[in-house]
Protein backbone atom coordinates (compact mmCIF):
# COMPACT_ATOMS: atom_id res chain seq x y z
CA UNK A 1 2.33 11.00 -23.16
CA UNK A 2 0.43 7.72 -23.04
CA UNK A 3 -3.04 7.81 -21.53
CA UNK A 4 -3.80 4.92 -19.21
CA UNK A 5 -7.26 3.43 -19.06
CA UNK A 6 -9.12 3.65 -15.79
CA UNK A 7 -8.54 -0.07 -15.22
CA UNK A 8 -4.79 0.34 -15.83
CA UNK A 9 -4.69 3.21 -13.33
CA UNK A 10 -6.52 1.11 -10.75
CA UNK A 11 -4.08 -1.76 -11.36
CA UNK A 12 -1.14 0.58 -10.74
CA UNK A 13 -2.68 1.88 -7.53
CA UNK A 14 -3.33 -1.68 -6.36
CA UNK A 15 0.24 -2.69 -7.19
CA UNK A 16 1.59 0.26 -5.18
CA UNK A 17 -0.67 -0.71 -2.27
CA UNK A 18 0.58 -4.28 -2.42
CA UNK A 19 4.16 -2.94 -2.31
CA UNK A 20 3.23 -1.30 1.01
CA UNK A 21 1.54 -4.49 2.23
CA UNK A 22 4.59 -6.59 1.37
CA UNK A 23 6.97 -4.13 3.02
CA UNK A 24 4.89 -4.09 6.21
CA UNK A 25 4.50 -7.87 6.28
CA UNK A 26 8.22 -8.46 5.70
CA UNK A 27 9.06 -6.78 8.99
CA UNK A 28 11.93 -4.54 9.99
CA UNK A 29 15.10 -5.03 7.98
CA UNK A 30 18.10 -5.88 10.14
CA UNK A 31 20.03 -2.82 9.02
CA UNK A 32 17.23 -0.34 9.78
CA UNK A 33 17.07 1.68 12.98
CA UNK A 34 13.95 1.27 15.12
CA UNK A 35 12.92 4.92 14.68
CA UNK A 36 13.37 4.69 10.92
CA UNK A 37 11.25 1.52 10.82
CA UNK A 38 8.53 3.15 12.93
CA UNK A 39 8.40 6.06 10.45
CA UNK A 40 8.37 3.68 7.49
CA UNK A 41 5.48 1.70 9.00
CA UNK A 42 3.54 4.88 9.76
CA UNK A 43 3.93 6.21 6.20
CA UNK A 44 2.98 2.92 4.54
CA UNK A 45 -0.02 2.31 6.81
CA UNK A 46 -1.22 5.86 6.15
CA UNK A 47 -0.83 5.25 2.40
CA UNK A 48 -3.02 2.16 2.70
CA UNK A 49 -5.67 3.97 4.72
CA UNK A 50 -5.83 6.77 2.15
CA UNK A 51 -6.09 4.29 -0.71
CA UNK A 52 -8.77 2.22 1.05
CA UNK A 53 -10.91 5.36 1.23
CA UNK A 54 -10.90 5.71 -2.57
CA UNK A 55 -14.10 4.84 -4.39
CA UNK A 56 -12.62 3.52 -7.63
CA UNK A 57 -11.95 -0.06 -6.51
CA UNK A 58 -13.78 -2.75 -8.45
CA UNK A 59 -13.03 -6.45 -7.92
CA UNK A 60 -9.63 -6.09 -6.21
CA UNK A 61 -9.08 -8.02 -2.98
CA UNK A 62 -8.73 -5.23 -0.43
CA UNK A 63 -8.41 -7.52 2.60
CA UNK A 64 -4.58 -7.55 2.55
CA UNK A 65 -4.64 -3.74 2.50
CA UNK A 66 -7.03 -3.62 5.44
CA UNK A 67 -5.03 -6.14 7.47
CA UNK A 68 -1.71 -4.37 6.88
CA UNK A 69 -3.12 -0.92 7.64
CA UNK A 70 -4.16 -1.88 11.18
């Protein structure tokens, strides 16, 4: 098993957060039901809120995470 450095781990967390940001900002896909989209939004916004509470962030731009989690 390959050990990741702390900075690599942070980069992976940030990338996952940006996946949530991009999904939220893209809006509801045409083929998705409203209830399914509402659940998807809820889960991704909660993910962002949890990640924003972490204390390991360094120089990452967290503003997109904050904006998308509102």
